Amino acid sequence: MKLGLFTPLYNELSLEAMLDELKRYPQIEMLEIGTGGWPGAAHLDLESLQREAGRSAYRQRLAESGLGISAFSCHGNPVHPDVAIAQRDDATLRRTIELAAAMGVPTVVAFSGCPGGGPDDRTPNWITAAWPPEFAAMLEWQWTERLVPYWRSVAQLAADSGVRLALEAHPGFSVYNPETLLRLRNLAGDAIGINLDPSHLWWQGIDIPAAIRELGPAIHHVHAKDVALDFANCSRNGVLDTKSYREMSARSWSFRSVGWGHDEQEWKRIVSALRLAGYDGVLSIEHEDALASTHEGLSSAVAMLSRVLLRQPPVEAWWA
């Protein structure tokens, strides 16, 4: 396994400034780089990377810093009911798949997106209940008419390009837990897998090692991000929370740096479960912690993950 970093943390810095900053964290070996959508594209130029000379220079610059690329990320909503938004995010995704293929990057991280509840909707509609009856009908329409046809097409493009799609299960989108991810994978193809981000699963009450066992070979990429539950607020209001992430004292849960929501033993359980499931790839730190400075939060995450990461191949069980 290798330690990586999701780069939107440094979107205010140029590529050169970010690489200079990363000298403070020699344990980080891989980067997950945004190509558009919500992560932005602060650290690459898609136009220049359309040319082999640009791609070669970019790879060389990262290699000089001792870094590789674990994934390109372009989280968006390519099934948005607003056609202009859907077309924009679809174009970004397809260009990212083409770029990943050209640069030998194995994985593209994205969201499944969320359609409207019917053909006349103008905004996404995340359905979380089977009743009233129209909810079930709307959910079936979303999957049959929008999600499956769209992702079958994109999964075929990815498979033909030798690229894996890692959809981040995220509430608010149609794929938000292991069950919905596996449903889409079964219907659209094995090029689709998950970008496993524990922070979005913990607050739903999901045990991460259990989810890893369920997902198995569908795990294409992993985020290292933590979440802390405020049990006093949870006991009053439950875990569905629409308050701003800035209102941390009022929320039921908040994103934290790795180790500040769940302890080292829990992260050891996660790493062990990943290895048992056959995943020996990158743990890509996504740092979103409003209680810590960038350096303090990231250095804390790097230190803890460096203690739990299994970097070397396992031994044969000679005692068996």
C-alpha atoms as a PDB file:
ATOM      1  CA  MET A   1       0.000   0.000   0.000  1.00  0.00           C
ATOM      2  CA  LYS A   2       1.065   3.600  -0.580  1.00  0.00           C
ATOM      3  CA  LEU A   3       0.116   6.889   0.984  1.00  0.00           C
ATOM      4  CA  GLY A   4      -1.388   9.497  -1.309  1.00  0.00           C
ATOM      5  CA  LEU A   5      -2.976  12.937  -1.244  1.00  0.00           C
ATOM      6  CA  PHE A   6      -6.068  14.366  -2.922  1.00  0.00           C
ATOM      7  CA  THR A   7      -4.775  17.736  -4.124  1.00  0.00           C
ATOM      8  CA  PRO A   8      -7.769  20.168  -3.826  1.00  0.00           C
ATOM      9  CA  LEU A   9      -6.401  20.893  -0.368  1.00  0.00           C
ATOM     10  CA  TYR A  10      -3.853  23.049  -2.213  1.00  0.00           C
ATOM     11  CA  ASN A  11      -6.057  24.520  -4.934  1.00  0.00           C
ATOM     12  CA  GLU A  12      -4.863  28.013  -4.023  1.00  0.00           C
ATOM     13  CA  LEU A  13      -1.304  26.998  -4.908  1.00  0.00           C
ATOM     14  CA  SER A  14       0.232  26.474  -8.327  1.00  0.00           C
ATOM     15  CA  LEU A  15       1.597  23.054  -9.211  1.00  0.00           C
ATOM     16  CA  GLU A  16       5.143  24.187  -8.432  1.00  0.00           C
ATOM     17  CA  ALA A  17       4.137  25.745  -5.110  1.00  0.00           C
ATOM     18  CA  MET A  18       2.235  22.593  -4.149  1.00  0.00           C
ATOM     19  CA  LEU A  19       5.173  20.336  -5.005  1.00  0.00           C
ATOM     20  CA  ASP A  20       7.406  22.546  -2.919  1.00  0.00           C
ATOM     21  CA  GLU A  21       4.953  22.335   0.004  1.00  0.00           C
ATOM     22  CA  LEU A  22       4.788  18.548  -0.273  1.00  0.00           C
ATOM     23  CA  LYS A  23       8.501  18.302   0.495  1.00  0.00           C
ATOM     24  CA  ARG A  24       7.332  18.583   4.106  1.00  0.00           C
ATOM     25  CA  TYR A  25       5.603  15.203   3.760  1.00  0.00           C
ATOM     26  CA  PRO A  26       8.065  12.694   2.285  1.00  0.00           C
ATOM     27  CA  GLN A  27       5.753   9.819   3.258  1.00  0.00           C
ATOM     28  CA  ILE A  28       3.316  10.882   0.510  1.00  0.00           C
ATOM     29  CA  GLU A  29       4.139   9.004  -2.691  1.00  0.00           C
ATOM     30  CA  MET A  30       1.045   9.426  -4.888  1.00  0.00           C
ATOM     31  CA  LEU A  31      -1.293  12.224  -5.917  1.00  0.00           C
ATOM     32  CA  GLU A  32      -4.985  12.180  -6.800  1.00  0.00           C
ATOM     33  CA  ILE A  33      -5.340  15.181  -9.085  1.00  0.00           C
ATOM     34  CA  GLY A  34      -8.488  17.099  -9.953  1.00  0.00           C
ATOM     35  CA  THR A  35      -9.335  17.576 -13.630  1.00  0.00           C
ATOM     36  CA  GLY A  36     -12.523  19.594 -13.197  1.00  0.00           C
ATOM     37  CA  GLY A  37     -15.914  19.519 -11.537  1.00  0.00           C
ATOM     38  CA  TRP A  38     -16.002  20.190  -7.817  1.00  0.00           C
ATOM     39  CA  PRO A  39     -12.302  19.320  -7.260  1.00  0.00           C
ATOM     40  CA  GLY A  40     -11.311  21.918  -9.864  1.00  0.00           C
ATOM     41  CA  ALA A  41      -8.247  21.613 -12.073  1.00  0.00           C
ATOM     42  CA  ALA A  42      -5.744  23.840 -10.297  1.00  0.00           C
ATOM     43  CA  HIS A  43      -2.749  21.582 -10.849  1.00  0.00           C
ATOM     44  CA  LEU A  44      -2.993  20.639 -14.503  1.00  0.00           C
ATOM     45  CA  ASP A  45      -4.043  22.065 -17.843  1.00  0.00           C
ATOM     46  CA  LEU A  46      -6.254  19.659 -19.754  1.00  0.00           C
ATOM     47  CA  GLU A  47      -5.494  21.421 -23.033  1.00  0.00           C
ATOM     48  CA  SER A  48      -1.715  21.126 -22.750  1.00  0.00           C
ATOM     49  CA  LEU A  49      -2.053  17.493 -21.689  1.00  0.00           C
ATOM     50  CA  GLN A  50      -3.830  16.668 -24.926  1.00  0.00           C
ATOM     51  CA  ARG A  51      -0.342  16.631 -26.495  1.00  0.00           C
ATOM     52  CA  GLU A  52       2.225  13.935 -25.751  1.00  0.00           C
ATOM     53  CA  ALA A  53       4.898  16.556 -25.130  1.00  0.00           C
ATOM     54  CA  GLY A  54       2.742  18.129 -22.430  1.00  0.00           C
ATOM     55  CA  ARG A  55       1.968  14.763 -20.841  1.00  0.00           C
ATOM     56  CA  SER A  56       5.620  13.750 -20.845  1.00  0.00           C
ATOM     57  CA  ALA A  57       6.716  17.008 -19.241  1.00  0.00           C
ATOM     58  CA  TYR A  58       4.020  16.704 -16.584  1.00  0.00           C
ATOM     59  CA  ARG A  59       4.951  13.120 -15.713  1.00  0.00           C
ATOM     60  CA  GLN A  60       8.610  14.094 -15.574  1.00  0.00           C
ATOM     61  CA  ARG A  61       7.954  17.009 -13.235  1.00  0.00           C
ATOM     62  CA  LEU A  62       6.063  14.783 -10.791  1.00  0.00           C
ATOM     63  CA  ALA A  63       8.727  12.073 -11.024  1.00  0.00           C
ATOM     64  CA  GLU A  64      11.380  14.644 -10.120  1.00  0.00           C
ATOM     65  CA  SER A  65       9.441  15.196  -6.899  1.00  0.00           C
ATOM     66  CA  GLY A  66       9.218  11.455  -6.263  1.00  0.00           C
ATOM     67  CA  LEU A  67       5.469  11.380  -6.933  1.00  0.00           C
ATOM     68  CA  GLY A  68       3.135   9.315  -9.080  1.00  0.00           C
ATOM     69  CA  ILE A  69      -0.577   9.657  -9.909  1.00  0.00           C
ATOM     70  CA  SER A  70      -3.063   7.287  -8.293  1.00  0.00           C
ATOM     71  CA  ALA A  71      -6.150   8.770  -9.957  1.00  0.00           C
ATOM     72  CA  PHE A  72      -7.667  11.726 -11.755  1.00  0.00           C
ATOM     73  CA  SER A  73     -10.814  13.097 -10.107  1.00  0.00           C
ATOM     74  CA  CYS A  74     -13.690  15.007 -11.688  1.00  0.00           C
ATOM     75  CA  HIS A  75     -16.591  14.755  -9.235  1.00  0.00           C
ATOM     76  CA  GLY A  76     -19.719  16.230 -10.813  1.00  0.00           C
ATOM     77  CA  ASN A  77     -23.290  15.325 -11.733  1.00  0.00           C
ATOM     78  CA  PRO A  78     -23.375  14.041 -15.316  1.00  0.00           C
ATOM     79  CA  VAL A  79     -27.019  12.939 -14.950  1.00  0.00           C
ATOM     80  CA  HIS A  80     -28.221  16.320 -13.694  1.00  0.00           C
ATOM     81  CA  PRO A  81     -31.718  17.195 -14.948  1.00  0.00           C
ATOM     82  CA  ASP A  82     -30.372  20.554 -16.188  1.00  0.00           C
ATOM     83  CA  VAL A  83     -29.060  19.486 -19.584  1.00  0.00           C
ATOM     84  CA  ALA A  84     -26.328  22.121 -19.666  1.00  0.00           C
ATOM     85  CA  ILE A  85     -24.894  20.954 -16.338  1.00  0.00           C
ATOM     86  CA  ALA A  86     -25.149  17.290 -17.326  1.00  0.00           C
ATOM     87  CA  GLN A  87     -23.405  17.902 -20.652  1.00  0.00           C
ATOM     88  CA  ARG A  88     -20.635  19.921 -18.995  1.00  0.00           C
ATOM     89  CA  ASP A  89     -19.909  17.271 -16.360  1.00  0.00           C
ATOM     90  CA  ASP A  90     -20.197  14.422 -18.871  1.00  0.00           C
ATOM     91  CA  ALA A  91     -17.675  16.137 -21.157  1.00  0.00           C
ATOM     92  CA  THR A  92     -15.252  16.592 -18.261  1.00  0.00           C
ATOM     93  CA  LEU A  93     -15.603  12.941 -17.274  1.00  0.00           C
ATOM     94  CA  ARG A  94     -15.037  11.647 -20.791  1.00  0.00           C
ATOM     95  CA  ARG A  95     -12.014  13.892 -21.331  1.00  0.00           C
ATOM     96  CA  THR A  96     -10.624  12.717 -18.007  1.00  0.00           C
ATOM     97  CA  ILE A  97     -11.001   9.060 -18.999  1.00  0.00           C
ATOM     98  CA  GLU A  98      -9.188   9.787 -22.263  1.00  0.00           C
ATOM     99  CA  LEU A  99      -6.413  11.617 -20.394  1.00  0.00           C
ATOM    100  CA  ALA A 100      -6.041   8.802 -17.864  1.00  0.00           C
ATOM    101  CA  ALA A 101      -5.688   6.290 -20.690  1.00  0.00           C
ATOM    102  CA  ALA A 102      -3.096   8.427 -22.454  1.00  0.00           C
ATOM    103  CA  MET A 103      -1.046   8.913 -19.269  1.00  0.00           C
ATOM    104  CA  GLY A 104      -1.319   5.398 -17.882  1.00  0.00           C
ATOM    105  CA  VAL A 105      -3.330   6.530 -14.846  1.00  0.00           C
ATOM    106  CA  PRO A 106      -5.423   3.517 -13.796  1.00  0.00           C
ATOM    107  CA  THR A 107      -8.406   5.169 -12.143  1.00  0.00           C
ATOM    108  CA  VAL A 108     -10.855   8.042 -12.568  1.00  0.00           C
ATOM    109  CA  VAL A 109     -12.788   9.095  -9.465  1.00  0.00           C
ATOM    110  CA  ALA A 110     -16.273  10.579  -9.853  1.00  0.00           C
ATOM    111  CA  PHE A 111     -19.760  10.741  -8.375  1.00  0.00           C
ATOM    112  CA  SER A 112     -22.673   8.723  -9.719  1.00  0.00           C
ATOM    113  CA  GLY A 113     -24.702  11.912  -9.880  1.00  0.00           C
ATOM    114  CA  CYS A 114     -28.385  12.244  -9.112  1.00  0.00           C
ATOM    115  CA  PRO A 115     -31.171  12.805 -11.664  1.00  0.00           C
ATOM    116  CA  GLY A 116     -34.464  14.522 -11.091  1.00  0.00           C
ATOM    117  CA  GLY A 117     -37.442  12.507  -9.961  1.00  0.00           C
ATOM    118  CA  GLY A 118     -39.003  12.499 -13.417  1.00  0.00           C
ATOM    119  CA  PRO A 119     -38.540  13.829 -16.960  1.00  0.00           C
ATOM    120  CA  ASP A 120     -39.880  17.296 -16.112  1.00  0.00           C
ATOM    121  CA  ASP A 121     -37.772  17.950 -12.997  1.00  0.00           C
ATOM    122  CA  ARG A 122     -35.231  20.758 -13.111  1.00  0.00           C
ATOM    123  CA  THR A 123     -33.224  19.892  -9.976  1.00  0.00           C
ATOM    124  CA  PRO A 124     -31.796  16.620  -8.605  1.00  0.00           C
ATOM    125  CA  ASN A 125     -34.007  14.610  -6.264  1.00  0.00           C
ATOM    126  CA  TRP A 126     -32.260  12.297  -3.778  1.00  0.00           C
ATOM    127  CA  ILE A 127     -34.875   9.790  -2.638  1.00  0.00           C
ATOM    128  CA  THR A 128     -34.353   8.292   0.818  1.00  0.00           C
ATOM    129  CA  ALA A 129     -37.683   6.566   1.521  1.00  0.00           C
ATOM    130  CA  ALA A 130     -39.958   4.042  -0.211  1.00  0.00           C
ATOM    131  CA  TRP A 131     -43.152   5.810   0.834  1.00  0.00           C
ATOM    132  CA  PRO A 132     -45.294   7.718  -0.169  1.00  0.00           C
ATOM    133  CA  PRO A 133     -45.758   5.440  -3.190  1.00  0.00           C
ATOM    134  CA  GLU A 134     -44.591   7.983  -5.743  1.00  0.00           C
ATOM    135  CA  PHE A 135     -41.107   7.872  -4.178  1.00  0.00           C
ATOM    136  CA  ALA A 136     -40.644   4.238  -5.220  1.00  0.00           C
ATOM    137  CA  ALA A 137     -41.842   5.043  -8.733  1.00  0.00           C
ATOM    138  CA  MET A 138     -39.480   8.020  -8.960  1.00  0.00           C
ATOM    139  CA  LEU A 139     -36.531   5.915  -7.780  1.00  0.00           C
ATOM    140  CA  GLU A 140     -37.251   3.229 -10.369  1.00  0.00           C
ATOM    141  CA  TRP A 141     -37.450   5.898 -13.097  1.00  0.00           C
ATOM    142  CA  GLN A 142     -34.099   7.359 -12.037  1.00  0.00           C
ATOM    143  CA  TRP A 143     -32.331   4.038 -12.286  1.00  0.00           C
ATOM    144  CA  THR A 144     -34.054   2.688 -15.396  1.00  0.00           C
ATOM    145  CA  GLU A 145     -34.188   5.840 -17.496  1.00  0.00           C
ATOM    146  CA  ARG A 146     -31.149   7.817 -16.383  1.00  0.00           C
ATOM    147  CA  LEU A 147     -28.499   6.093 -14.261  1.00  0.00           C
ATOM    148  CA  VAL A 148     -28.126   2.693 -15.908  1.00  0.00           C
ATOM    149  CA  PRO A 149     -28.192   3.877 -19.555  1.00  0.00           C
ATOM    150  CA  TYR A 150     -25.721   6.660 -18.818  1.00  0.00           C
ATOM    151  CA  TRP A 151     -23.239   4.616 -16.803  1.00  0.00           C
ATOM    152  CA  ARG A 152     -23.366   1.654 -19.186  1.00  0.00           C
ATOM    153  CA  SER A 153     -22.128   3.982 -21.905  1.00  0.00           C
ATOM    154  CA  VAL A 154     -19.390   5.530 -19.763  1.00  0.00           C
ATOM    155  CA  ALA A 155     -18.335   2.166 -18.306  1.00  0.00           C
ATOM    156  CA  GLN A 156     -17.875   0.828 -21.837  1.00  0.00           C
ATOM    157  CA  LEU A 157     -15.717   3.840 -22.726  1.00  0.00           C
ATOM    158  CA  ALA A 158     -13.634   3.268 -19.597  1.00  0.00           C
ATOM    159  CA  ALA A 159     -13.261  -0.463 -20.236  1.00  0.00           C
ATOM    160  CA  ASP A 160     -12.238   0.161 -23.852  1.00  0.00           C
ATOM    161  CA  SER A 161      -9.690   2.700 -22.564  1.00  0.00           C
ATOM    162  CA  GLY A 162      -8.245   0.392 -19.897  1.00  0.00           C
ATOM    163  CA  VAL A 163      -9.392   2.721 -17.122  1.00  0.00           C
ATOM    164  CA  ARG A 164     -11.364   1.932 -13.958  1.00  0.00           C
ATOM    165  CA  LEU A 165     -14.129   4.192 -12.661  1.00  0.00           C
ATOM    166  CA  ALA A 166     -14.215   4.711  -8.895  1.00  0.00           C
ATOM    167  CA  LEU A 167     -17.553   6.232  -7.897  1.00  0.00           C
ATOM    168  CA  GLU A 168     -17.460   7.870  -4.498  1.00  0.00           C
ATOM    169  CA  ALA A 169     -20.501   6.746  -2.512  1.00  0.00           C
ATOM    170  CA  HIS A 170     -21.885  10.035  -1.215  1.00  0.00           C
ATOM    171  CA  PRO A 171     -25.284  10.915   0.257  1.00  0.00           C
ATOM    172  CA  GLY A 172     -27.150  13.248  -2.058  1.00  0.00           C
ATOM    173  CA  PHE A 173     -26.286  11.069  -5.051  1.00  0.00           C
ATOM    174  CA  SER A 174     -27.831   7.861  -6.324  1.00  0.00           C
ATOM    175  CA  VAL A 175     -24.806   5.792  -5.264  1.00  0.00           C
ATOM    176  CA  TYR A 176     -24.359   6.483  -1.559  1.00  0.00           C
ATOM    177  CA  ASN A 177     -23.567   3.114   0.074  1.00  0.00           C
ATOM    178  CA  PRO A 178     -22.183  -0.346  -0.835  1.00  0.00           C
ATOM    179  CA  GLU A 179     -25.585  -1.680  -1.899  1.00  0.00           C
ATOM    180  CA  THR A 180     -26.257   1.078  -4.436  1.00  0.00           C
ATOM    181  CA  LEU A 181     -22.697   0.892  -5.762  1.00  0.00           C
ATOM    182  CA  LEU A 182     -22.922  -2.858  -6.310  1.00  0.00           C
ATOM    183  CA  ARG A 183     -26.332  -2.506  -7.923  1.00  0.00           C
ATOM    184  CA  LEU A 184     -24.956  -0.056 -10.479  1.00  0.00           C
ATOM    185  CA  ARG A 185     -21.832  -2.171 -11.038  1.00  0.00           C
ATOM    186  CA  ASN A 186     -23.972  -5.258 -11.701  1.00  0.00           C
ATOM    187  CA  LEU A 187     -26.137  -3.368 -14.184  1.00  0.00           C
ATOM    188  CA  ALA A 188     -23.509  -1.244 -15.929  1.00  0.00           C
ATOM    189  CA  GLY A 189     -20.293  -3.273 -15.853  1.00  0.00           C
ATOM    190  CA  ASP A 190     -17.206  -4.118 -13.838  1.00  0.00           C
ATOM    191  CA  ALA A 191     -15.320  -1.028 -14.998  1.00  0.00           C
ATOM    192  CA  ILE A 192     -17.387   0.649 -12.280  1.00  0.00           C
ATOM    193  CA  GLY A 193     -16.202   0.289  -8.713  1.00  0.00           C
ATOM    194  CA  ILE A 194     -16.051   2.392  -5.590  1.00  0.00           C
ATOM    195  CA  ASN A 195     -13.829   5.148  -4.324  1.00  0.00           C
ATOM    196  CA  LEU A 196     -14.170   4.018  -0.707  1.00  0.00           C
ATOM    197  CA  ASP A 197     -14.399   7.099   1.510  1.00  0.00           C
ATOM    198  CA  PRO A 198     -15.102   6.009   5.103  1.00  0.00           C
ATOM    199  CA  SER A 199     -16.195   9.489   6.170  1.00  0.00           C
ATOM    200  CA  HIS A 200     -19.387   9.319   4.100  1.00  0.00           C
ATOM    201  CA  LEU A 201     -20.259   5.844   5.349  1.00  0.00           C
ATOM    202  CA  TRP A 202     -19.539   6.092   9.080  1.00  0.00           C
ATOM    203  CA  TRP A 203     -22.244   8.639   9.816  1.00  0.00           C
ATOM    204  CA  GLN A 204     -24.781   6.449   8.006  1.00  0.00           C
ATOM    205  CA  GLY A 205     -24.050   3.746  10.604  1.00  0.00           C
ATOM    206  CA  ILE A 206     -21.938   1.572   8.292  1.00  0.00           C
ATOM    207  CA  ASP A 207     -19.097  -0.544   9.684  1.00  0.00           C
ATOM    208  CA  ILE A 208     -16.208   0.053   7.292  1.00  0.00           C
ATOM    209  CA  PRO A 209     -14.509  -3.385   7.481  1.00  0.00           C
ATOM    210  CA  ALA A 210     -17.922  -5.002   6.890  1.00  0.00           C
ATOM    211  CA  ALA A 211     -18.432  -2.752   3.860  1.00  0.00           C
ATOM    212  CA  ILE A 212     -14.977  -3.669   2.569  1.00  0.00           C
ATOM    213  CA  ARG A 213     -15.787  -7.372   2.810  1.00  0.00           C
ATOM    214  CA  GLU A 214     -19.005  -6.782   0.874  1.00  0.00           C
ATOM    215  CA  LEU A 215     -17.335  -4.702  -1.832  1.00  0.00           C
ATOM    216  CA  GLY A 216     -14.223  -6.837  -2.394  1.00  0.00           C
ATOM    217  CA  PRO A 217     -12.926  -6.435  -5.972  1.00  0.00           C
ATOM    218  CA  ALA A 218     -15.249  -3.475  -6.508  1.00  0.00           C
ATOM    219  CA  ILE A 219     -12.846  -1.319  -4.457  1.00  0.00           C
ATOM    220  CA  HIS A 220     -10.943   0.684  -7.072  1.00  0.00           C
ATOM    221  CA  HIS A 221      -9.567   3.528  -4.929  1.00  0.00           C
ATOM    222  CA  VAL A 222      -9.654   4.598  -1.275  1.00  0.00           C
ATOM    223  CA  HIS A 223      -9.891   7.979   0.437  1.00  0.00           C
ATOM    224  CA  ALA A 224      -8.458   8.449   3.898  1.00  0.00           C
ATOM    225  CA  LYS A 225     -10.859  10.878   5.540  1.00  0.00           C
ATOM    226  CA  ASP A 226     -12.392  10.812   8.984  1.00  0.00           C
ATOM    227  CA  VAL A 227     -15.629  12.016  10.523  1.00  0.00           C
ATOM    228  CA  ALA A 228     -16.526  12.720  14.139  1.00  0.00           C
ATOM    229  CA  LEU A 229     -20.065  12.183  15.377  1.00  0.00           C
ATOM    230  CA  ASP A 230     -21.441  14.531  18.008  1.00  0.00           C
ATOM    231  CA  PHE A 231     -23.500  12.033  19.971  1.00  0.00           C
ATOM    232  CA  ALA A 232     -25.406  14.708  21.886  1.00  0.00           C
ATOM    233  CA  ASN A 233     -26.641  16.244  18.633  1.00  0.00           C
ATOM    234  CA  CYS A 234     -27.227  12.800  17.108  1.00  0.00           C
ATOM    235  CA  SER A 235     -29.367  11.785  20.067  1.00  0.00           C
ATOM    236  CA  ARG A 236     -31.606  14.809  19.525  1.00  0.00           C
ATOM    237  CA  ASN A 237     -31.715  15.107  15.750  1.00  0.00           C
ATOM    238  CA  GLY A 238     -30.386  11.904  14.188  1.00  0.00           C
ATOM    239  CA  VAL A 239     -27.644  11.862  11.582  1.00  0.00           C
ATOM    240  CA  LEU A 240     -29.317  13.567   8.621  1.00  0.00           C
ATOM    241  CA  ASP A 241     -27.983  17.096   8.902  1.00  0.00           C
ATOM    242  CA  THR A 242     -28.310  19.988   6.456  1.00  0.00           C
ATOM    243  CA  LYS A 243     -26.603  22.652   8.566  1.00  0.00           C
ATOM    244  CA  SER A 244     -23.478  24.289   7.194  1.00  0.00           C
ATOM    245  CA  TYR A 245     -20.209  22.455   7.734  1.00  0.00           C
ATOM    246  CA  ARG A 246     -19.053  25.668   9.411  1.00  0.00           C
ATOM    247  CA  GLU A 247     -21.569  25.130  12.253  1.00  0.00           C
ATOM    248  CA  MET A 248     -19.542  22.316  13.765  1.00  0.00           C
ATOM    249  CA  SER A 249     -20.839  22.677  17.324  1.00  0.00           C
ATOM    250  CA  ALA A 250     -24.461  22.368  16.108  1.00  0.00           C
ATOM    251  CA  ARG A 251     -23.995  19.540  13.614  1.00  0.00           C
ATOM    252  CA  SER A 252     -24.532  15.824  14.254  1.00  0.00           C
ATOM    253  CA  TRP A 253     -21.245  15.040  12.507  1.00  0.00           C
ATOM    254  CA  SER A 254     -18.275  16.873  11.024  1.00  0.00           C
ATOM    255  CA  PHE A 255     -15.360  15.917   8.825  1.00  0.00           C
ATOM    256  CA  ARG A 256     -12.067  15.603  10.702  1.00  0.00           C
ATOM    257  CA  SER A 257      -8.466  14.798   9.979  1.00  0.00           C
ATOM    258  CA  VAL A 258      -7.637  11.084  10.062  1.00  0.00           C
ATOM    259  CA  GLY A 259      -7.405   9.933  13.670  1.00  0.00           C
ATOM    260  CA  TRP A 260      -9.571  12.706  15.113  1.00  0.00           C
ATOM    261  CA  GLY A 261     -12.850  10.884  14.522  1.00  0.00           C
ATOM    262  CA  HIS A 262     -11.792   7.241  14.800  1.00  0.00           C
ATOM    263  CA  ASP A 263      -8.745   5.922  16.575  1.00  0.00           C
ATOM    264  CA  GLU A 264      -5.675   4.117  15.320  1.00  0.00           C
ATOM    265  CA  GLN A 265      -7.127   0.701  16.082  1.00  0.00           C
ATOM    266  CA  GLU A 266     -10.117   1.391  13.835  1.00  0.00           C
ATOM    267  CA  TRP A 267      -7.854   2.459  10.982  1.00  0.00           C
ATOM    268  CA  LYS A 268      -5.816  -0.721  11.506  1.00  0.00           C
ATOM    269  CA  ARG A 269      -9.059  -2.695  11.104  1.00  0.00           C
ATOM    270  CA  ILE A 270      -9.688  -0.846   7.841  1.00  0.00           C
ATOM    271  CA  VAL A 271      -6.199  -1.454   6.451  1.00  0.00           C
ATOM    272  CA  SER A 272      -6.357  -5.138   7.419  1.00  0.00           C
ATOM    273  CA  ALA A 273      -9.789  -5.518   5.801  1.00  0.00           C
ATOM    274  CA  LEU A 274      -8.515  -3.863   2.622  1.00  0.00           C
ATOM    275  CA  ARG A 275      -5.635  -6.319   2.380  1.00  0.00           C
ATOM    276  CA  LEU A 276      -7.944  -9.270   3.015  1.00  0.00           C
ATOM    277  CA  ALA A 277     -10.184  -7.971   0.211  1.00  0.00           C
ATOM    278  CA  GLY A 278      -7.227  -7.856  -2.176  1.00  0.00           C
ATOM    279  CA  TYR A 279      -6.722  -4.082  -2.188  1.00  0.00           C
ATOM    280  CA  ASP A 280      -3.080  -3.032  -1.905  1.00  0.00           C
ATOM    281  CA  GLY A 281      -3.388   0.320  -3.626  1.00  0.00           C
ATOM    282  CA  VAL A 282      -3.280   3.895  -2.431  1.00  0.00           C
ATOM    283  CA  LEU A 283      -4.864   5.499   0.624  1.00  0.00           C
ATOM    284  CA  SER A 284      -5.446   9.026  -0.650  1.00  0.00           C
ATOM    285  CA  ILE A 285      -5.765  11.572   2.144  1.00  0.00           C
ATOM    286  CA  GLU A 286      -8.660  13.978   1.676  1.00  0.00           C
ATOM    287  CA  HIS A 287      -8.113  16.645   4.294  1.00  0.00           C
ATOM    288  CA  GLU A 288     -11.236  18.576   5.338  1.00  0.00           C
ATOM    289  CA  ASP A 289     -10.934  19.634   8.980  1.00  0.00           C
ATOM    290  CA  ALA A 290     -12.106  23.089  10.037  1.00  0.00           C
ATOM    291  CA  LEU A 291     -10.606  22.701  13.521  1.00  0.00           C
ATOM    292  CA  ALA A 292      -7.008  22.308  12.381  1.00  0.00           C
ATOM    293  CA  SER A 293      -4.581  24.238  10.223  1.00  0.00           C
ATOM    294  CA  THR A 294      -3.687  22.636   6.917  1.00  0.00           C
ATOM    295  CA  HIS A 295      -0.221  21.622   8.081  1.00  0.00           C
ATOM    296  CA  GLU A 296      -1.249  20.475  11.540  1.00  0.00           C
ATOM    297  CA  GLY A 297      -4.187  18.448  10.265  1.00  0.00           C
ATOM    298  CA  LEU A 298      -2.340  16.912   7.320  1.00  0.00           C
ATOM    299  CA  SER A 299       0.815  16.117   9.286  1.00  0.00           C
ATOM    300  CA  SER A 300      -1.318  14.414  11.949  1.00  0.00           C
ATOM    301  CA  ALA A 301      -3.032  12.281   9.294  1.00  0.00           C
ATOM    302  CA  VAL A 302       0.262  11.402   7.631  1.00  0.00           C
ATOM    303  CA  ALA A 303       1.820  10.388  10.951  1.00  0.00           C
ATOM    304  CA  MET A 304      -1.046   8.107  11.947  1.00  0.00           C
ATOM    305  CA  LEU A 305      -1.514   6.502   8.545  1.00  0.00           C
ATOM    306  CA  SER A 306       2.219   5.899   8.303  1.00  0.00           C
ATOM    307  CA  ARG A 307       1.922   3.763  11.432  1.00  0.00           C
ATOM    308  CA  VAL A 308      -0.975   1.648  10.159  1.00  0.00           C
ATOM    309  CA  LEU A 309      -0.198   1.317   6.447  1.00  0.00           C
ATOM    310  CA  LEU A 310       0.977  -2.131   5.309  1.00  0.00           C
ATOM    311  CA  ARG A 311       3.600  -1.200   2.729  1.00  0.00           C
ATOM    312  CA  GLN A 312       5.324  -4.562   2.245  1.00  0.00           C
ATOM    313  CA  PRO A 313       3.840  -7.783   0.823  1.00  0.00           C
ATOM    314  CA  PRO A 314       2.511 -10.242   3.418  1.00  0.00           C
ATOM    315  CA  VAL A 315       4.541 -13.275   4.394  1.00  0.00           C
ATOM    316  CA  GLU A 316       3.601 -16.887   3.806  1.00  0.00           C
ATOM    317  CA  ALA A 317       2.023 -18.395   6.924  1.00  0.00           C
ATOM    318  CA  TRP A 318       4.916 -20.712   7.751  1.00  0.00           C
ATOM    319  CA  TRP A 319       3.206 -21.642  11.038  1.00  0.00           C
ATOM    320  CA  ALA A 320       0.145 -23.031   9.273  1.00  0.00           C
END
